[in-house]
């Protein structure tokens, strides 16, 4: 009788652990997916700001070259 109760207790504990483990894995998967989406959004934002930065760098380089060229012609 004692062994049977002990076996039932062990089975119950194993069921609880399996349920907790399943919930944890599901939650971990959900959080990982959400984190991947956030990382993707951050990467997109970085790419957009990088393109904008390159545009302004090119404009600055072009104006600098024009200024150098203008001083060479009128000097």
Protein backbone atom coordinates (compact mmCIF):
# COMPACT_ATOMS: atom_id res chain seq x y z
CA UNK A 1 0.00 0.00 0.00
CA UNK A 2 2.78 2.39 0.94
CA UNK A 3 4.65 1.57 -2.25
CA UNK A 4 1.51 2.20 -4.28
CA UNK A 5 0.99 5.62 -2.68
CA UNK A 6 4.65 6.45 -3.21
CA UNK A 7 4.33 5.44 -6.87
CA UNK A 8 1.22 7.64 -7.26
CA UNK A 9 3.08 10.54 -5.62
CA UNK A 10 6.00 10.08 -7.96
CA UNK A 11 3.67 9.90 -10.96
CA UNK A 12 1.89 13.06 -9.83
CA UNK A 13 5.20 14.89 -9.38
CA UNK A 14 6.34 13.76 -12.83
CA UNK A 15 3.06 14.99 -14.37
CA UNK A 16 3.45 18.38 -12.69
CA UNK A 17 7.05 18.66 -13.85
CA UNK A 18 6.07 17.72 -17.40
CA UNK A 19 3.31 20.35 -17.40
CA UNK A 20 5.63 23.03 -16.03
CA UNK A 21 8.30 22.08 -18.54
CA UNK A 22 5.82 22.27 -21.44
CA UNK A 23 4.60 25.69 -20.31
CA UNK A 24 8.15 26.94 -19.93
CA UNK A 25 9.15 25.73 -23.39
CA UNK A 26 6.04 27.30 -24.95
CA UNK A 27 6.69 30.60 -23.17
CA UNK A 28 10.36 30.51 -24.17
CA UNK A 29 9.39 29.94 -27.80
CA UNK A 30 6.91 32.83 -27.70
CA UNK A 31 9.42 35.19 -26.12
CA UNK A 32 12.13 34.14 -28.57
CA UNK A 33 9.82 34.87 -31.50
CA UNK A 34 8.93 38.27 -30.06
CA UNK A 35 12.59 39.06 -29.51
CA UNK A 36 13.41 38.10 -33.09
CA UNK A 37 10.71 40.47 -34.34
CA UNK A 38 12.11 43.29 -32.22
CA UNK A 39 15.64 42.60 -33.44
CA UNK A 40 14.38 42.65 -37.03
CA UNK A 41 12.72 46.02 -36.43
CA UNK A 42 15.91 47.42 -34.92
CA UNK A 43 17.95 46.16 -37.87
CA UNK A 44 15.53 47.82 -40.28
CA UNK A 45 15.76 51.09 -38.36
CA UNK A 46 19.56 50.92 -38.39
CA UNK A 47 19.56 50.27 -42.14
CA UNK A 48 17.30 53.26 -42.76
CA UNK A 49 19.42 55.57 -40.62
CA UNK A 50 22.57 54.23 -42.27
CA UNK A 51 21.18 55.05 -45.73
CA UNK A 52 20.24 58.52 -44.58
CA UNK A 53 23.68 59.03 -43.09
CA UNK A 54 25.36 57.96 -46.32
CA UNK A 55 23.18 60.39 -48.26
CA UNK A 56 24.24 63.29 -46.05
CA UNK A 57 27.89 62.22 -46.17
CA UNK A 58 27.77 62.21 -49.95
CA UNK A 59 26.17 65.68 -49.96
CA UNK A 60 28.89 66.96 -47.63
CA UNK A 61 31.63 65.38 -49.74
CA UNK A 62 30.14 66.88 -52.92
CA UNK A 63 29.89 70.38 -51.41
CA UNK A 64 33.46 70.10 -50.16
CA UNK A 65 34.69 69.09 -53.62
CA UNK A 66 32.78 71.98 -55.19
CA UNK A 67 34.28 74.40 -52.67
CA UNK A 68 37.80 73.12 -53.39
CA UNK A 69 37.18 73.29 -57.12
CA UNK A 70 35.79 76.84 -56.85
CA UNK A 71 38.80 78.07 -54.87
CA UNK A 72 41.16 76.58 -57.47
CA UNK A 73 39.37 78.29 -60.36
CA UNK A 74 39.09 81.76 -58.77
CA UNK A 75 42.43 81.75 -56.98
